[in-house]
Amino acid sequence: MVIAIGCTGGKHRSVALTEYIAEYYKAEANTKIYHRDIEKGKNKNYDKKLT
């Protein structure tokens, strides 16, 4: 089974939901996670605004 989840930037909801689903199914299936756009979503200027 392949599940694809997306959100703008790929840093928040899609990442959290993917981690939750993998944790839920890990005892029953061989789960693999691939965060395709997580590196693209990094924005140094945005991160500076948060601190």
N, C-alpha and C. Protein backbone atom coordinates (compact mmCIF):
# COMPACT_ATOMS: atom_id res chain seq x y z
N MET A 1 0.85 -1.15 0.00
CA MET A 1 0.00 0.00 0.00
C MET A 1 0.91 1.23 0.00
N VAL A 2 0.54 2.23 -0.74
CA VAL A 2 1.24 3.50 -0.75
C VAL A 2 0.25 4.58 -0.37
N ILE A 3 0.64 5.41 0.59
CA ILE A 3 -0.19 6.54 1.01
C ILE A 3 0.61 7.80 0.75
N ALA A 4 0.04 8.72 0.01
CA ALA A 4 0.69 10.00 -0.26
C ALA A 4 -0.14 11.11 0.36
N ILE A 5 0.52 11.96 1.14
CA ILE A 5 -0.14 13.05 1.84
C ILE A 5 0.62 14.33 1.52
N GLY A 6 -0.09 15.39 1.25
CA GLY A 6 0.60 16.63 0.93
C GLY A 6 -0.02 17.83 1.61
N CYS A 7 0.80 18.83 1.86
CA CYS A 7 0.34 20.13 2.32
C CYS A 7 1.37 21.15 1.84
N THR A 8 1.02 22.39 1.82
CA THR A 8 1.92 23.43 1.34
C THR A 8 3.21 23.43 2.15
N GLY A 9 4.33 23.27 1.48
CA GLY A 9 5.63 23.27 2.14
C GLY A 9 6.08 21.91 2.65
N GLY A 10 5.14 21.01 2.91
CA GLY A 10 5.50 19.66 3.37
C GLY A 10 6.22 19.64 4.70
N LYS A 11 5.89 20.55 5.61
CA LYS A 11 6.62 20.63 6.88
C LYS A 11 5.74 20.40 8.10
N HIS A 12 4.45 20.44 7.98
CA HIS A 12 3.63 20.43 9.18
C HIS A 12 2.66 19.26 9.20
N ARG A 13 1.46 19.45 8.67
CA ARG A 13 0.43 18.41 8.76
C ARG A 13 0.85 17.13 8.07
N SER A 14 1.40 17.23 6.88
CA SER A 14 1.75 16.00 6.16
C SER A 14 2.82 15.21 6.90
N VAL A 15 3.78 15.88 7.47
CA VAL A 15 4.85 15.20 8.22
C VAL A 15 4.27 14.56 9.47
N ALA A 16 3.47 15.30 10.22
CA ALA A 16 2.89 14.78 11.46
C ALA A 16 1.97 13.59 11.18
N LEU A 17 1.15 13.70 10.17
CA LEU A 17 0.23 12.61 9.84
C LEU A 17 0.98 11.37 9.36
N THR A 18 2.01 11.56 8.58
CA THR A 18 2.82 10.44 8.11
C THR A 18 3.47 9.71 9.27
N GLU A 19 4.03 10.45 10.21
CA GLU A 19 4.66 9.84 11.38
C GLU A 19 3.63 9.08 12.21
N TYR A 20 2.43 9.63 12.36
CA TYR A 20 1.38 8.97 13.13
C TYR A 20 0.95 7.66 12.47
N ILE A 21 0.73 7.69 11.15
CA ILE A 21 0.31 6.49 10.43
C ILE A 21 1.38 5.40 10.52
N ALA A 22 2.64 5.76 10.35
CA ALA A 22 3.72 4.78 10.43
C ALA A 22 3.78 4.15 11.82
N GLU A 23 3.63 4.95 12.85
CA GLU A 23 3.65 4.44 14.22
C GLU A 23 2.47 3.49 14.46
N TYR A 24 1.32 3.85 13.95
CA TYR A 24 0.10 3.05 14.12
C TYR A 24 0.25 1.67 13.49
N TYR A 25 0.85 1.60 12.30
CA TYR A 25 0.95 0.35 11.56
C TYR A 25 2.26 -0.41 11.74
N LYS A 26 3.20 0.11 12.50
CA LYS A 26 4.53 -0.51 12.56
C LYS A 26 4.51 -1.94 13.09
N ALA A 27 3.60 -2.30 13.96
CA ALA A 27 3.54 -3.66 14.49
C ALA A 27 2.94 -4.64 13.47
N GLU A 28 2.17 -4.14 12.52
CA GLU A 28 1.47 -4.99 11.57
C GLU A 28 2.10 -5.02 10.18
N ALA A 29 2.94 -4.04 9.89
CA ALA A 29 3.46 -3.95 8.52
C ALA A 29 4.87 -3.35 8.53
N ASN A 30 5.58 -3.60 7.45
CA ASN A 30 6.90 -3.00 7.26
C ASN A 30 6.67 -1.59 6.72
N THR A 31 6.84 -0.60 7.55
CA THR A 31 6.56 0.78 7.13
C THR A 31 7.84 1.51 6.78
N LYS A 32 7.77 2.31 5.76
CA LYS A 32 8.88 3.16 5.33
C LYS A 32 8.33 4.56 5.10
N ILE A 33 9.08 5.55 5.55
CA ILE A 33 8.66 6.94 5.39
C ILE A 33 9.65 7.65 4.49
N TYR A 34 9.12 8.39 3.55
CA TYR A 34 9.95 9.20 2.66
C TYR A 34 9.34 10.59 2.60
N HIS A 35 9.99 11.57 3.21
CA HIS A 35 9.52 12.95 3.18
C HIS A 35 10.17 13.64 1.99
N ARG A 36 9.48 13.62 0.87
CA ARG A 36 10.04 14.10 -0.39
C ARG A 36 10.48 15.56 -0.36
N ASP A 37 9.69 16.44 0.20
CA ASP A 37 9.96 17.88 0.10
C ASP A 37 10.43 18.52 1.39
N ILE A 38 10.76 17.75 2.40
CA ILE A 38 11.08 18.35 3.70
C ILE A 38 12.32 19.24 3.62
N GLU A 39 13.31 18.87 2.83
CA GLU A 39 14.50 19.71 2.68
C GLU A 39 14.20 20.97 1.86
N LYS A 40 13.34 20.86 0.86
CA LYS A 40 12.97 22.02 0.04
C LYS A 40 12.23 23.06 0.86
N GLY A 41 11.50 22.61 1.88
CA GLY A 41 10.67 23.51 2.66
C GLY A 41 11.43 24.37 3.65
N LYS A 42 12.70 24.11 3.84
CA LYS A 42 13.47 24.89 4.81
C LYS A 42 13.68 26.30 4.29
N ASN A 43 13.35 27.27 5.12
CA ASN A 43 13.48 28.68 4.76
C ASN A 43 14.19 29.38 5.91
N LYS A 44 15.43 29.74 5.72
CA LYS A 44 16.23 30.33 6.80
C LYS A 44 15.62 31.63 7.31
N ASN A 45 15.08 32.45 6.43
CA ASN A 45 14.48 33.70 6.87
C ASN A 45 13.24 33.46 7.72
N TYR A 46 12.44 32.48 7.36
CA TYR A 46 11.26 32.15 8.14
C TYR A 46 11.66 31.64 9.52
N ASP A 47 12.66 30.76 9.57
CA ASP A 47 13.11 30.22 10.85
C ASP A 47 13.63 31.33 11.76
N LYS A 48 14.30 32.33 11.22
CA LYS A 48 14.82 33.43 12.03
C LYS A 48 13.68 34.24 12.64
N LYS A 49 12.56 34.39 11.93
CA LYS A 49 11.43 35.16 12.44
C LYS A 49 10.81 34.49 13.65
N LEU A 50 10.95 33.18 13.76
CA LEU A 50 10.34 32.46 14.87
C LEU A 50 11.12 32.60 16.17
N THR A 51 12.39 33.00 16.09
CA THR A 51 13.19 33.08 17.31
C THR A 51 13.31 34.50 17.80
